[in-house]
Every structure is written in C-alpha cells, then in structure tokens.
Amino acid sequence: MSDTPVKQNTAAFYGQSVASFAVAMAATAIGIYQLEADPWVRAFLGIAVLYLVTSAFTLAKVIRDRQDATTGRAYSPFEKL
C-alpha cells in the first residue's frame, strides 16, 4: 500500500493569501467609511461585511472538514508549526 503525500501550501502562498485578505478588508472598510451616507447605513454595511466574512470562514471550514472525513485524514491544527 502506498502513502500519498499530503500537498501543503508554500509559505509564499500563505503570505499572499493573508495579504490579499487584509487588503480586501481594508479597502472595504475605507470604502464604507468614505461613503456619503448616514452613519447607520455605514454601520449596517460594516456589519454585513463582517457577517459575510465569518460565513465564508465557516463555509471553508465545513468544506475542509468534509474533505478530511472522506479521505480519512485526521486534521491537526498545529501540523504547519
């Protein structure tokens, strides 16, 4: 029986992903802040963006967990340390 190697992302890919997320969140926050609207409208848009981000993280986790369950691979949160 052969063991298939686990594909891991490079540090550069991880860094690019984090930087891209930070730039997208900053640009959205600046755009909402600069919006010519009442404060309650800006607050509503800010909460909506935060809800969308948390939902996206949850969806990604659920998809990852389902894939790990089908491959039989146990996930360790410290495997990249």
N, C-alpha and C. Protein backbone atom coordinates (compact mmCIF):
# COMPACT_ATOMS: atom_id res chain seq x y z
N MET A 1 0.85 -1.17 0.00
CA MET A 1 0.00 0.00 0.00
C MET A 1 0.89 1.23 0.00
N SER A 2 0.62 2.17 -0.88
CA SER A 2 1.45 3.36 -0.96
C SER A 2 0.75 4.53 -0.27
N ASP A 3 1.55 5.32 0.40
CA ASP A 3 1.03 6.52 1.05
C ASP A 3 1.12 7.67 0.07
N THR A 4 0.00 8.35 -0.12
CA THR A 4 0.02 9.51 -1.00
C THR A 4 0.49 10.71 -0.19
N PRO A 5 1.41 11.50 -0.75
CA PRO A 5 1.91 12.65 0.00
C PRO A 5 0.82 13.72 0.15
N VAL A 6 0.85 14.37 1.28
CA VAL A 6 -0.12 15.43 1.56
C VAL A 6 0.41 16.71 0.95
N LYS A 7 -0.40 17.33 0.09
CA LYS A 7 0.01 18.58 -0.53
C LYS A 7 -0.15 19.70 0.48
N GLN A 8 0.92 20.47 0.66
CA GLN A 8 0.88 21.60 1.57
C GLN A 8 1.22 22.86 0.80
N ASN A 9 0.62 23.95 1.22
CA ASN A 9 0.87 25.23 0.57
C ASN A 9 2.24 25.76 0.99
N THR A 10 2.84 26.55 0.11
CA THR A 10 4.12 27.17 0.43
C THR A 10 3.89 28.37 1.33
N ALA A 11 4.95 28.81 1.97
CA ALA A 11 4.86 29.99 2.84
C ALA A 11 4.50 31.24 2.03
N ALA A 12 4.98 31.31 0.78
CA ALA A 12 4.66 32.46 -0.07
C ALA A 12 3.17 32.50 -0.40
N PHE A 13 2.59 31.35 -0.68
CA PHE A 13 1.16 31.30 -0.97
C PHE A 13 0.34 31.70 0.25
N TYR A 14 0.75 31.21 1.42
CA TYR A 14 0.07 31.57 2.66
C TYR A 14 0.17 33.07 2.90
N GLY A 15 1.35 33.63 2.74
CA GLY A 15 1.55 35.07 2.93
C GLY A 15 0.74 35.90 1.95
N GLN A 16 0.69 35.45 0.70
CA GLN A 16 -0.10 36.16 -0.30
C GLN A 16 -1.59 36.11 0.05
N SER A 17 -2.05 35.00 0.54
CA SER A 17 -3.46 34.87 0.91
C SER A 17 -3.81 35.80 2.07
N VAL A 18 -2.93 35.84 3.08
CA VAL A 18 -3.17 36.72 4.22
C VAL A 18 -3.13 38.19 3.78
N ALA A 19 -2.14 38.55 2.96
CA ALA A 19 -2.03 39.93 2.49
C ALA A 19 -3.24 40.31 1.64
N SER A 20 -3.69 39.42 0.78
CA SER A 20 -4.86 39.69 -0.06
C SER A 20 -6.10 39.91 0.79
N PHE A 21 -6.27 39.08 1.81
CA PHE A 21 -7.42 39.24 2.70
C PHE A 21 -7.35 40.58 3.43
N ALA A 22 -6.17 40.93 3.92
CA ALA A 22 -6.01 42.20 4.64
C ALA A 22 -6.29 43.40 3.73
N VAL A 23 -5.80 43.36 2.50
CA VAL A 23 -6.03 44.46 1.56
C VAL A 23 -7.52 44.58 1.22
N ALA A 24 -8.18 43.44 1.01
CA ALA A 24 -9.61 43.46 0.68
C ALA A 24 -10.44 44.01 1.83
N MET A 25 -10.12 43.60 3.06
CA MET A 25 -10.86 44.11 4.22
C MET A 25 -10.60 45.60 4.42
N ALA A 26 -9.35 46.03 4.25
CA ALA A 26 -9.01 47.45 4.41
C ALA A 26 -9.70 48.29 3.35
N ALA A 27 -9.68 47.83 2.11
CA ALA A 27 -10.33 48.58 1.03
C ALA A 27 -11.83 48.68 1.26
N THR A 28 -12.44 47.61 1.72
CA THR A 28 -13.88 47.65 2.01
C THR A 28 -14.18 48.59 3.17
N ALA A 29 -13.37 48.54 4.21
CA ALA A 29 -13.57 49.44 5.36
C ALA A 29 -13.41 50.90 4.96
N ILE A 30 -12.39 51.20 4.16
CA ILE A 30 -12.19 52.58 3.70
C ILE A 30 -13.35 53.02 2.81
N GLY A 31 -13.79 52.12 1.94
CA GLY A 31 -14.92 52.46 1.07
C GLY A 31 -16.19 52.74 1.85
N ILE A 32 -16.46 51.95 2.86
CA ILE A 32 -17.64 52.19 3.69
C ILE A 32 -17.49 53.49 4.48
N TYR A 33 -16.27 53.75 5.00
CA TYR A 33 -16.03 54.96 5.78
C TYR A 33 -16.21 56.21 4.92
N GLN A 34 -15.75 56.14 3.67
CA GLN A 34 -15.82 57.31 2.78
C GLN A 34 -17.18 57.47 2.10
N LEU A 35 -18.06 56.54 2.29
CA LEU A 35 -19.36 56.57 1.66
C LEU A 35 -20.17 57.78 2.14
N GLU A 36 -20.77 58.47 1.20
CA GLU A 36 -21.62 59.62 1.54
C GLU A 36 -23.00 59.11 1.92
N ALA A 37 -23.13 58.69 3.17
CA ALA A 37 -24.40 58.16 3.65
C ALA A 37 -24.48 58.41 5.15
N ASP A 38 -25.67 58.19 5.69
CA ASP A 38 -25.86 58.34 7.13
C ASP A 38 -25.01 57.31 7.87
N PRO A 39 -24.65 57.63 9.12
CA PRO A 39 -23.84 56.69 9.90
C PRO A 39 -24.50 55.32 10.07
N TRP A 40 -25.83 55.27 10.20
CA TRP A 40 -26.48 53.98 10.40
C TRP A 40 -26.36 53.12 9.15
N VAL A 41 -26.33 53.74 7.96
CA VAL A 41 -26.17 52.98 6.71
C VAL A 41 -24.76 52.40 6.66
N ARG A 42 -23.76 53.20 7.01
CA ARG A 42 -22.39 52.71 7.03
C ARG A 42 -22.22 51.60 8.05
N ALA A 43 -22.86 51.76 9.22
CA ALA A 43 -22.77 50.72 10.26
C ALA A 43 -23.42 49.42 9.76
N PHE A 44 -24.56 49.54 9.09
CA PHE A 44 -25.23 48.35 8.56
C PHE A 44 -24.34 47.64 7.54
N LEU A 45 -23.72 48.40 6.65
CA LEU A 45 -22.82 47.79 5.66
C LEU A 45 -21.61 47.15 6.32
N GLY A 46 -21.08 47.77 7.36
CA GLY A 46 -19.95 47.20 8.09
C GLY A 46 -20.31 45.87 8.73
N ILE A 47 -21.48 45.82 9.38
CA ILE A 47 -21.92 44.57 10.00
C ILE A 47 -22.17 43.50 8.94
N ALA A 48 -22.73 43.91 7.79
CA ALA A 48 -22.99 42.95 6.71
C ALA A 48 -21.67 42.36 6.20
N VAL A 49 -20.64 43.17 6.07
CA VAL A 49 -19.34 42.68 5.60
C VAL A 49 -18.76 41.71 6.62
N LEU A 50 -18.83 42.04 7.91
CA LEU A 50 -18.31 41.13 8.93
C LEU A 50 -19.07 39.81 8.94
N TYR A 51 -20.38 39.86 8.75
CA TYR A 51 -21.18 38.64 8.69
C TYR A 51 -20.78 37.79 7.48
N LEU A 52 -20.55 38.45 6.35
CA LEU A 52 -20.13 37.73 5.15
C LEU A 52 -18.78 37.07 5.34
N VAL A 53 -17.85 37.75 5.98
CA VAL A 53 -16.52 37.18 6.22
C VAL A 53 -16.59 35.98 7.15
N THR A 54 -17.32 36.09 8.24
CA THR A 54 -17.42 34.96 9.16
C THR A 54 -18.14 33.78 8.51
N SER A 55 -19.14 34.06 7.68
CA SER A 55 -19.83 32.98 6.97
C SER A 55 -18.89 32.29 5.98
N ALA A 56 -18.04 33.06 5.32
CA ALA A 56 -17.09 32.47 4.37
C ALA A 56 -16.08 31.58 5.09
N PHE A 57 -15.59 32.03 6.26
CA PHE A 57 -14.66 31.20 7.03
C PHE A 57 -15.34 29.91 7.49
N THR A 58 -16.58 30.01 7.94
CA THR A 58 -17.30 28.83 8.39
C THR A 58 -17.53 27.86 7.23
N LEU A 59 -17.92 28.37 6.08
CA LEU A 59 -18.12 27.52 4.91
C LEU A 59 -16.83 26.82 4.51
N ALA A 60 -15.72 27.55 4.51
CA ALA A 60 -14.44 26.94 4.16
C ALA A 60 -14.07 25.83 5.15
N LYS A 61 -14.34 26.05 6.43
CA LYS A 61 -14.04 25.04 7.44
C LYS A 61 -14.91 23.80 7.25
N VAL A 62 -16.19 24.00 6.96
CA VAL A 62 -17.10 22.86 6.76
C VAL A 62 -16.67 22.05 5.54
N ILE A 63 -16.28 22.72 4.47
CA ILE A 63 -15.83 22.02 3.27
C ILE A 63 -14.54 21.25 3.56
N ARG A 64 -13.61 21.88 4.27
CA ARG A 64 -12.36 21.20 4.62
C ARG A 64 -12.62 19.99 5.51
N ASP A 65 -13.51 20.14 6.49
CA ASP A 65 -13.82 19.02 7.37
C ASP A 65 -14.47 17.87 6.62
N ARG A 66 -15.33 18.18 5.67
CA ARG A 66 -15.98 17.13 4.88
C ARG A 66 -14.96 16.41 4.01
N GLN A 67 -14.03 17.14 3.42
CA GLN A 67 -12.99 16.51 2.61
C GLN A 67 -12.07 15.65 3.46
N ASP A 68 -11.72 16.14 4.65
CA ASP A 68 -10.88 15.35 5.54
C ASP A 68 -11.58 14.08 6.00
N ALA A 69 -12.89 14.15 6.19
CA ALA A 69 -13.64 12.98 6.63
C ALA A 69 -13.69 11.92 5.53
N THR A 70 -13.76 12.33 4.28
CA THR A 70 -13.83 11.37 3.19
C THR A 70 -12.47 10.76 2.89
N THR A 71 -11.39 11.48 3.17
CA THR A 71 -10.05 10.93 2.90
C THR A 71 -9.53 10.14 4.08
N GLY A 72 -10.16 10.26 5.24
CA GLY A 72 -9.72 9.53 6.42
C GLY A 72 -8.53 10.17 7.10
N ARG A 73 -8.16 11.35 6.67
CA ARG A 73 -7.01 12.05 7.24
C ARG A 73 -7.46 12.89 8.42
N ALA A 74 -6.84 12.70 9.57
CA ALA A 74 -7.17 13.48 10.75
C ALA A 74 -6.50 14.85 10.63
N TYR A 75 -7.23 15.88 10.94
CA TYR A 75 -6.71 17.24 10.87
C TYR A 75 -6.10 17.64 12.20
N SER A 76 -4.90 18.17 12.13
CA SER A 76 -4.23 18.69 13.32
C SER A 76 -4.00 20.19 13.11
N PRO A 77 -4.51 21.05 13.98
CA PRO A 77 -4.34 22.48 13.76
C PRO A 77 -2.90 22.94 13.88
N PHE A 78 -2.01 22.11 14.43
CA PHE A 78 -0.62 22.51 14.60
C PHE A 78 0.31 21.83 13.60
N GLU A 79 -0.24 21.28 12.51
CA GLU A 79 0.59 20.50 11.60
C GLU A 79 1.57 21.36 10.82
N LYS A 80 1.32 22.66 10.69
CA LYS A 80 2.24 23.51 9.92
C LYS A 80 3.26 24.20 10.81
N LEU A 81 3.18 24.00 12.12
CA LEU A 81 4.12 24.66 13.02
C LEU A 81 5.43 23.93 13.08
